Amino acid sequence: MKVSEIKVDGTTYYMVFNDASLARKLLDTVKSIAKPKVINHIAIVPANNTIYVAAKLDVKYFEELVDKTYRLAMEFA
């Protein structure tokens, strides 16, 4: 398992991953959101086909967050 510290729009995130391509997709998803700071935690667990998202509820960005999370999920469905 690898651990990486990254900054996105001034916020520090810690990535823990086995698969670099999945880590890249998560990072790309976070970076694609207009206000990435709303995301506290995002994870893909391929073993049980699950995506976890913990985010601050900001009505202005909620629809975008759900849409981008849905698109990410569809890549693994």
PDB file of N, CA and C in Angstrom:
ATOM      1  N   MET A   1       0.838  -1.162   0.000  1.00  0.00           N
ATOM      2  CA  MET A   1       0.000   0.000   0.000  1.00  0.00           C
ATOM      3  C   MET A   1       0.895   1.242   0.000  1.00  0.00           C
ATOM      4  N   LYS A   2       0.519   2.214  -0.807  1.00  0.00           N
ATOM      5  CA  LYS A   2       1.289   3.455  -0.914  1.00  0.00           C
ATOM      6  C   LYS A   2       0.505   4.600  -0.274  1.00  0.00           C
ATOM      7  N   VAL A   3       1.233   5.561   0.248  1.00  0.00           N
ATOM      8  CA  VAL A   3       0.630   6.756   0.838  1.00  0.00           C
ATOM      9  C   VAL A   3       1.270   7.967   0.177  1.00  0.00           C
ATOM     10  N   SER A   4       0.436   8.897  -0.220  1.00  0.00           N
ATOM     11  CA  SER A   4       0.923  10.093  -0.888  1.00  0.00           C
ATOM     12  C   SER A   4       0.182  11.306  -0.333  1.00  0.00           C
ATOM     13  N   GLU A   5       0.901  12.388  -0.120  1.00  0.00           N
ATOM     14  CA  GLU A   5       0.297  13.643   0.327  1.00  0.00           C
ATOM     15  C   GLU A   5       0.222  14.566  -0.876  1.00  0.00           C
ATOM     16  N   ILE A   6      -0.972  15.085  -1.150  1.00  0.00           N
ATOM     17  CA  ILE A   6      -1.152  15.977  -2.295  1.00  0.00           C
ATOM     18  C   ILE A   6      -1.920  17.218  -1.861  1.00  0.00           C
ATOM     19  N   LYS A   7      -1.769  18.278  -2.621  1.00  0.00           N
ATOM     20  CA  LYS A   7      -2.530  19.505  -2.377  1.00  0.00           C
ATOM     21  C   LYS A   7      -3.395  19.780  -3.597  1.00  0.00           C
ATOM     22  N   VAL A   8      -4.657  20.085  -3.324  1.00  0.00           N
ATOM     23  CA  VAL A   8      -5.587  20.460  -4.377  1.00  0.00           C
ATOM     24  C   VAL A   8      -6.244  21.761  -3.932  1.00  0.00           C
ATOM     25  N   ASP A   9      -6.014  22.799  -4.688  1.00  0.00           N
ATOM     26  CA  ASP A   9      -6.622  24.099  -4.402  1.00  0.00           C
ATOM     27  C   ASP A   9      -6.378  24.538  -2.953  1.00  0.00           C
ATOM     28  N   GLY A  10      -5.166  24.295  -2.458  1.00  0.00           N
ATOM     29  CA  GLY A  10      -4.789  24.716  -1.118  1.00  0.00           C
ATOM     30  C   GLY A  10      -5.159  23.767   0.008  1.00  0.00           C
ATOM     31  N   THR A  11      -5.865  22.691  -0.299  1.00  0.00           N
ATOM     32  CA  THR A  11      -6.257  21.709   0.709  1.00  0.00           C
ATOM     33  C   THR A  11      -5.357  20.487   0.591  1.00  0.00           C
ATOM     34  N   THR A  12      -4.867  20.001   1.716  1.00  0.00           N
ATOM     35  CA  THR A  12      -4.013  18.815   1.722  1.00  0.00           C
ATOM     36  C   THR A  12      -4.873  17.568   1.860  1.00  0.00           C
ATOM     37  N   TYR A  13      -4.619  16.604   0.999  1.00  0.00           N
ATOM     38  CA  TYR A  13      -5.287  15.305   1.046  1.00  0.00           C
ATOM     39  C   TYR A  13      -4.217  14.232   1.165  1.00  0.00           C
ATOM     40  N   TYR A  14      -4.582  13.134   1.775  1.00  0.00           N
ATOM     41  CA  TYR A  14      -3.683  11.986   1.870  1.00  0.00           C
ATOM     42  C   TYR A  14      -4.300  10.859   1.069  1.00  0.00           C
ATOM     43  N   MET A  15      -3.555  10.352   0.114  1.00  0.00           N
ATOM     44  CA  MET A  15      -4.033   9.250  -0.711  1.00  0.00           C
ATOM     45  C   MET A  15      -3.375   7.968  -0.227  1.00  0.00           C
ATOM     46  N   VAL A  16      -4.200   6.977   0.033  1.00  0.00           N
ATOM     47  CA  VAL A  16      -3.729   5.646   0.413  1.00  0.00           C
ATOM     48  C   VAL A  16      -4.272   4.713  -0.658  1.00  0.00           C
ATOM     49  N   PHE A  17      -3.370   4.018  -1.357  1.00  0.00           N
ATOM     50  CA  PHE A  17      -3.837   3.251  -2.510  1.00  0.00           C
ATOM     51  C   PHE A  17      -2.915   2.085  -2.833  1.00  0.00           C
ATOM     52  N   ASN A  18      -3.496   1.135  -3.527  1.00  0.00           N
ATOM     53  CA  ASN A  18      -2.746   0.019  -4.091  1.00  0.00           C
ATOM     54  C   ASN A  18      -2.621   0.176  -5.600  1.00  0.00           C
ATOM     55  N   ASP A  19      -3.621   0.777  -6.202  1.00  0.00           N
ATOM     56  CA  ASP A  19      -3.714   0.881  -7.653  1.00  0.00           C
ATOM     57  C   ASP A  19      -3.553   2.349  -8.066  1.00  0.00           C
ATOM     58  N   ALA A  20      -2.452   2.665  -8.707  1.00  0.00           N
ATOM     59  CA  ALA A  20      -2.162   4.050  -9.095  1.00  0.00           C
ATOM     60  C   ALA A  20      -3.191   4.602 -10.077  1.00  0.00           C
ATOM     61  N   SER A  21      -3.750   3.763 -10.935  1.00  0.00           N
ATOM     62  CA  SER A  21      -4.738   4.263 -11.899  1.00  0.00           C
ATOM     63  C   SER A  21      -6.030   4.677 -11.189  1.00  0.00           C
ATOM     64  N   LEU A  22      -6.436   3.934 -10.162  1.00  0.00           N
ATOM     65  CA  LEU A  22      -7.611   4.334  -9.380  1.00  0.00           C
ATOM     66  C   LEU A  22      -7.333   5.627  -8.618  1.00  0.00           C
ATOM     67  N   ALA A  23      -6.144   5.734  -8.066  1.00  0.00           N
ATOM     68  CA  ALA A  23      -5.763   6.948  -7.344  1.00  0.00           C
ATOM     69  C   ALA A  23      -5.810   8.151  -8.277  1.00  0.00           C
ATOM     70  N   ARG A  24      -5.340   7.987  -9.493  1.00  0.00           N
ATOM     71  CA  ARG A  24      -5.353   9.071 -10.482  1.00  0.00           C
ATOM     72  C   ARG A  24      -6.792   9.472 -10.809  1.00  0.00           C
ATOM     73  N   LYS A  25      -7.688   8.496 -10.958  1.00  0.00           N
ATOM     74  CA  LYS A  25      -9.089   8.812 -11.272  1.00  0.00           C
ATOM     75  C   LYS A  25      -9.748   9.576 -10.125  1.00  0.00           C
ATOM     76  N   LEU A  26      -9.452   9.172  -8.896  1.00  0.00           N
ATOM     77  CA  LEU A  26      -9.988   9.899  -7.741  1.00  0.00           C
ATOM     78  C   LEU A  26      -9.461  11.331  -7.717  1.00  0.00           C
ATOM     79  N   LEU A  27      -8.177  11.472  -7.922  1.00  0.00           N
ATOM     80  CA  LEU A  27      -7.563  12.798  -7.921  1.00  0.00           C
ATOM     81  C   LEU A  27      -8.142  13.668  -9.033  1.00  0.00           C
ATOM     82  N   ASP A  28      -8.301  13.104 -10.213  1.00  0.00           N
ATOM     83  CA  ASP A  28      -8.885  13.850 -11.331  1.00  0.00           C
ATOM     84  C   ASP A  28     -10.310  14.294 -11.014  1.00  0.00           C
ATOM     85  N   THR A  29     -11.072  13.419 -10.351  1.00  0.00           N
ATOM     86  CA  THR A  29     -12.443  13.760  -9.975  1.00  0.00           C
ATOM     87  C   THR A  29     -12.449  14.922  -8.988  1.00  0.00           C
ATOM     88  N   VAL A  30     -11.614  14.844  -7.971  1.00  0.00           N
ATOM     89  CA  VAL A  30     -11.540  15.926  -6.981  1.00  0.00           C
ATOM     90  C   VAL A  30     -11.128  17.233  -7.657  1.00  0.00           C
ATOM     91  N   LYS A  31     -10.130  17.182  -8.510  1.00  0.00           N
ATOM     92  CA  LYS A  31      -9.649  18.393  -9.189  1.00  0.00           C
ATOM     93  C   LYS A  31     -10.689  18.982 -10.138  1.00  0.00           C
ATOM     94  N   SER A  32     -11.593  18.155 -10.647  1.00  0.00           N
ATOM     95  CA  SER A  32     -12.576  18.623 -11.621  1.00  0.00           C
ATOM     96  C   SER A  32     -13.749  19.363 -10.979  1.00  0.00           C
ATOM     97  N   ILE A  33     -13.871  19.294  -9.682  1.00  0.00           N
ATOM     98  CA  ILE A  33     -14.975  19.948  -8.985  1.00  0.00           C
ATOM     99  C   ILE A  33     -14.629  21.421  -8.775  1.00  0.00           C
ATOM    100  N   ALA A  34     -15.603  22.284  -9.008  1.00  0.00           N
ATOM    101  CA  ALA A  34     -15.362  23.726  -8.927  1.00  0.00           C
ATOM    102  C   ALA A  34     -14.817  24.153  -7.566  1.00  0.00           C
ATOM    103  N   LYS A  35     -15.280  23.514  -6.507  1.00  0.00           N
ATOM    104  CA  LYS A  35     -14.789  23.832  -5.157  1.00  0.00           C
ATOM    105  C   LYS A  35     -14.390  22.522  -4.479  1.00  0.00           C
ATOM    106  N   PRO A  36     -13.188  22.024  -4.751  1.00  0.00           N
ATOM    107  CA  PRO A  36     -12.773  20.730  -4.212  1.00  0.00           C
ATOM    108  C   PRO A  36     -12.718  20.676  -2.693  1.00  0.00           C
ATOM    109  N   LYS A  37     -12.655  21.839  -2.031  1.00  0.00           N
ATOM    110  CA  LYS A  37     -12.588  21.854  -0.566  1.00  0.00           C
ATOM    111  C   LYS A  37     -13.822  21.236   0.088  1.00  0.00           C
ATOM    112  N   VAL A  38     -14.923  21.088  -0.653  1.00  0.00           N
ATOM    113  CA  VAL A  38     -16.117  20.479  -0.047  1.00  0.00           C
ATOM    114  C   VAL A  38     -15.900  18.998   0.244  1.00  0.00           C
ATOM    115  N   ILE A  39     -14.944  18.374  -0.430  1.00  0.00           N
ATOM    116  CA  ILE A  39     -14.695  16.942  -0.231  1.00  0.00           C
ATOM    117  C   ILE A  39     -13.765  16.734   0.955  1.00  0.00           C
ATOM    118  N   ASN A  40     -14.244  15.968   1.922  1.00  0.00           N
ATOM    119  CA  ASN A  40     -13.427  15.595   3.078  1.00  0.00           C
ATOM    120  C   ASN A  40     -12.762  14.246   2.846  1.00  0.00           C
ATOM    121  N   HIS A  41     -13.487  13.341   2.201  1.00  0.00           N
ATOM    122  CA  HIS A  41     -12.995  11.973   2.000  1.00  0.00           C
ATOM    123  C   HIS A  41     -13.676  11.402   0.766  1.00  0.00           C
ATOM    124  N   ILE A  42     -12.902  10.709  -0.051  1.00  0.00           N
ATOM    125  CA  ILE A  42     -13.458   9.993  -1.196  1.00  0.00           C
ATOM    126  C   ILE A  42     -12.641   8.721  -1.364  1.00  0.00           C
ATOM    127  N   ALA A  43     -13.333   7.620  -1.583  1.00  0.00           N
ATOM    128  CA  ALA A  43     -12.637   6.332  -1.690  1.00  0.00           C
ATOM    129  C   ALA A  43     -13.372   5.407  -2.642  1.00  0.00           C
ATOM    130  N   ILE A  44     -12.594   4.591  -3.333  1.00  0.00           N
ATOM    131  CA  ILE A  44     -13.131   3.507  -4.152  1.00  0.00           C
ATOM    132  C   ILE A  44     -12.656   2.213  -3.518  1.00  0.00           C
ATOM    133  N   VAL A  45     -13.600   1.297  -3.310  1.00  0.00           N
ATOM    134  CA  VAL A  45     -13.264  -0.026  -2.777  1.00  0.00           C
ATOM    135  C   VAL A  45     -13.701  -1.042  -3.829  1.00  0.00           C
ATOM    136  N   PRO A  46     -12.782  -1.422  -4.725  1.00  0.00           N
ATOM    137  CA  PRO A  46     -13.142  -2.325  -5.817  1.00  0.00           C
ATOM    138  C   PRO A  46     -13.645  -3.690  -5.341  1.00  0.00           C
ATOM    139  N   ALA A  47     -13.175  -4.149  -4.203  1.00  0.00           N
ATOM    140  CA  ALA A  47     -13.553  -5.482  -3.718  1.00  0.00           C
ATOM    141  C   ALA A  47     -15.057  -5.621  -3.516  1.00  0.00           C
ATOM    142  N   ASN A  48     -15.729  -4.519  -3.177  1.00  0.00           N
ATOM    143  CA  ASN A  48     -17.184  -4.610  -3.007  1.00  0.00           C
ATOM    144  C   ASN A  48     -17.932  -3.567  -3.849  1.00  0.00           C
ATOM    145  N   ASN A  49     -17.277  -3.082  -4.902  1.00  0.00           N
ATOM    146  CA  ASN A  49     -17.887  -2.119  -5.834  1.00  0.00           C
ATOM    147  C   ASN A  49     -18.536  -0.941  -5.116  1.00  0.00           C
ATOM    148  N   THR A  50     -17.771  -0.284  -4.262  1.00  0.00           N
ATOM    149  CA  THR A  50     -18.301   0.804  -3.454  1.00  0.00           C
ATOM    150  C   THR A  50     -17.477   2.073  -3.641  1.00  0.00           C
ATOM    151  N   ILE A  51     -18.184   3.192  -3.685  1.00  0.00           N
ATOM    152  CA  ILE A  51     -17.541   4.503  -3.645  1.00  0.00           C
ATOM    153  C   ILE A  51     -18.070   5.215  -2.406  1.00  0.00           C
ATOM    154  N   TYR A  52     -17.160   5.747  -1.620  1.00  0.00           N
ATOM    155  CA  TYR A  52     -17.518   6.513  -0.427  1.00  0.00           C
ATOM    156  C   TYR A  52     -17.163   7.973  -0.669  1.00  0.00           C
ATOM    157  N   VAL A  53     -18.092   8.851  -0.312  1.00  0.00           N
ATOM    158  CA  VAL A  53     -17.829  10.282  -0.402  1.00  0.00           C
ATOM    159  C   VAL A  53     -18.340  10.934   0.881  1.00  0.00           C
ATOM    160  N   ALA A  54     -17.473  11.656   1.542  1.00  0.00           N
ATOM    161  CA  ALA A  54     -17.863  12.487   2.681  1.00  0.00           C
ATOM    162  C   ALA A  54     -17.545  13.919   2.271  1.00  0.00           C
ATOM    163  N   ALA A  55     -18.562  14.759   2.294  1.00  0.00           N
ATOM    164  CA  ALA A  55     -18.373  16.132   1.830  1.00  0.00           C
ATOM    165  C   ALA A  55     -19.200  17.094   2.669  1.00  0.00           C
ATOM    166  N   LYS A  56     -18.739  18.328   2.707  1.00  0.00           N
ATOM    167  CA  LYS A  56     -19.513  19.389   3.349  1.00  0.00           C
ATOM    168  C   LYS A  56     -20.703  19.686   2.444  1.00  0.00           C
ATOM    169  N   LEU A  57     -21.853  19.822   3.026  1.00  0.00           N
ATOM    170  CA  LEU A  57     -23.044  20.090   2.237  1.00  0.00           C
ATOM    171  C   LEU A  57     -23.080  21.570   1.869  1.00  0.00           C
ATOM    172  N   ASP A  58     -22.795  21.830   0.628  1.00  0.00           N
ATOM    173  CA  ASP A  58     -22.842  23.181   0.084  1.00  0.00           C
ATOM    174  C   ASP A  58     -23.776  23.113  -1.115  1.00  0.00           C
ATOM    175  N   VAL A  59     -24.969  23.650  -0.953  1.00  0.00           N
ATOM    176  CA  VAL A  59     -26.008  23.523  -1.971  1.00  0.00           C
ATOM    177  C   VAL A  59     -25.520  23.983  -3.339  1.00  0.00           C
ATOM    178  N   LYS A  60     -24.666  24.972  -3.347  1.00  0.00           N
ATOM    179  CA  LYS A  60     -24.166  25.524  -4.609  1.00  0.00           C
ATOM    180  C   LYS A  60     -23.374  24.486  -5.414  1.00  0.00           C
ATOM    181  N   TYR A  61     -22.721  23.546  -4.730  1.00  0.00           N
ATOM    182  CA  TYR A  61     -21.862  22.576  -5.412  1.00  0.00           C
ATOM    183  C   TYR A  61     -22.370  21.144  -5.315  1.00  0.00           C
ATOM    184  N   PHE A  62     -23.502  20.938  -4.661  1.00  0.00           N
ATOM    185  CA  PHE A  62     -23.993  19.586  -4.418  1.00  0.00           C
ATOM    186  C   PHE A  62     -24.316  18.834  -5.710  1.00  0.00           C
ATOM    187  N   GLU A  63     -25.036  19.465  -6.614  1.00  0.00           N
ATOM    188  CA  GLU A  63     -25.408  18.797  -7.867  1.00  0.00           C
ATOM    189  C   GLU A  63     -24.170  18.384  -8.658  1.00  0.00           C
ATOM    190  N   GLU A  64     -23.192  19.259  -8.721  1.00  0.00           N
ATOM    191  CA  GLU A  64     -21.956  18.940  -9.437  1.00  0.00           C
ATOM    192  C   GLU A  64     -21.236  17.769  -8.772  1.00  0.00           C
ATOM    193  N   LEU A  65     -21.180  17.768  -7.448  1.00  0.00           N
ATOM    194  CA  LEU A  65     -20.523  16.685  -6.715  1.00  0.00           C
ATOM    195  C   LEU A  65     -21.205  15.348  -6.984  1.00  0.00           C
ATOM    196  N   VAL A  66     -22.526  15.325  -6.937  1.00  0.00           N
ATOM    197  CA  VAL A  66     -23.268  14.088  -7.202  1.00  0.00           C
ATOM    198  C   VAL A  66     -23.049  13.636  -8.641  1.00  0.00           C
ATOM    199  N   ASP A  67     -23.114  14.567  -9.578  1.00  0.00           N
ATOM    200  CA  ASP A  67     -22.918  14.235 -10.990  1.00  0.00           C
ATOM    201  C   ASP A  67     -21.535  13.637 -11.243  1.00  0.00           C
ATOM    202  N   LYS A  68     -20.508  14.255 -10.712  1.00  0.00           N
ATOM    203  CA  LYS A  68     -19.145  13.762 -10.957  1.00  0.00           C
ATOM    204  C   LYS A  68     -18.891  12.441 -10.234  1.00  0.00           C
ATOM    205  N   THR A  69     -19.484  12.277  -9.054  1.00  0.00           N
ATOM    206  CA  THR A  69     -19.356  11.005  -8.339  1.00  0.00           C
ATOM    207  C   THR A  69     -20.075   9.898  -9.109  1.00  0.00           C
ATOM    208  N   TYR A  70     -21.235  10.214  -9.655  1.00  0.00           N
ATOM    209  CA  TYR A  70     -21.980   9.241 -10.459  1.00  0.00           C
ATOM    210  C   TYR A  70     -21.163   8.824 -11.684  1.00  0.00           C
ATOM    211  N   ARG A  71     -20.566   9.767 -12.364  1.00  0.00           N
ATOM    212  CA  ARG A  71     -19.741   9.451 -13.548  1.00  0.00           C
ATOM    213  C   ARG A  71     -18.556   8.564 -13.176  1.00  0.00           C
ATOM    214  N   LEU A  72     -17.947   8.861 -12.036  1.00  0.00           N
ATOM    215  CA  LEU A  72     -16.843   8.034 -11.554  1.00  0.00           C
ATOM    216  C   LEU A  72     -17.337   6.617 -11.270  1.00  0.00           C
ATOM    217  N   ALA A  73     -18.484   6.513 -10.625  1.00  0.00           N
ATOM    218  CA  ALA A  73     -19.049   5.196 -10.299  1.00  0.00           C
ATOM    219  C   ALA A  73     -19.341   4.395 -11.565  1.00  0.00           C
ATOM    220  N   MET A  74     -19.834   5.054 -12.591  1.00  0.00           N
ATOM    221  CA  MET A  74     -20.178   4.356 -13.830  1.00  0.00           C
ATOM    222  C   MET A  74     -18.942   3.786 -14.529  1.00  0.00           C
ATOM    223  N   GLU A  75     -17.786   4.352 -14.277  1.00  0.00           N
ATOM    224  CA  GLU A  75     -16.553   3.809 -14.853  1.00  0.00           C
ATOM    225  C   GLU A  75     -16.213   2.447 -14.255  1.00  0.00           C
ATOM    226  N   PHE A  76     -16.710   2.188 -13.058  1.00  0.00           N
ATOM    227  CA  PHE A  76     -16.369   0.949 -12.362  1.00  0.00           C
ATOM    228  C   PHE A  76     -17.531  -0.021 -12.267  1.00  0.00           C
ATOM    229  N   ALA A  77     -18.699   0.375 -12.776  1.00  0.00           N
ATOM    230  CA  ALA A  77     -19.891  -0.488 -12.690  1.00  0.00           C
ATOM    231  C   ALA A  77     -19.778  -1.677 -13.621  1.00  0.00           C
TER     232      ALA A  77
END
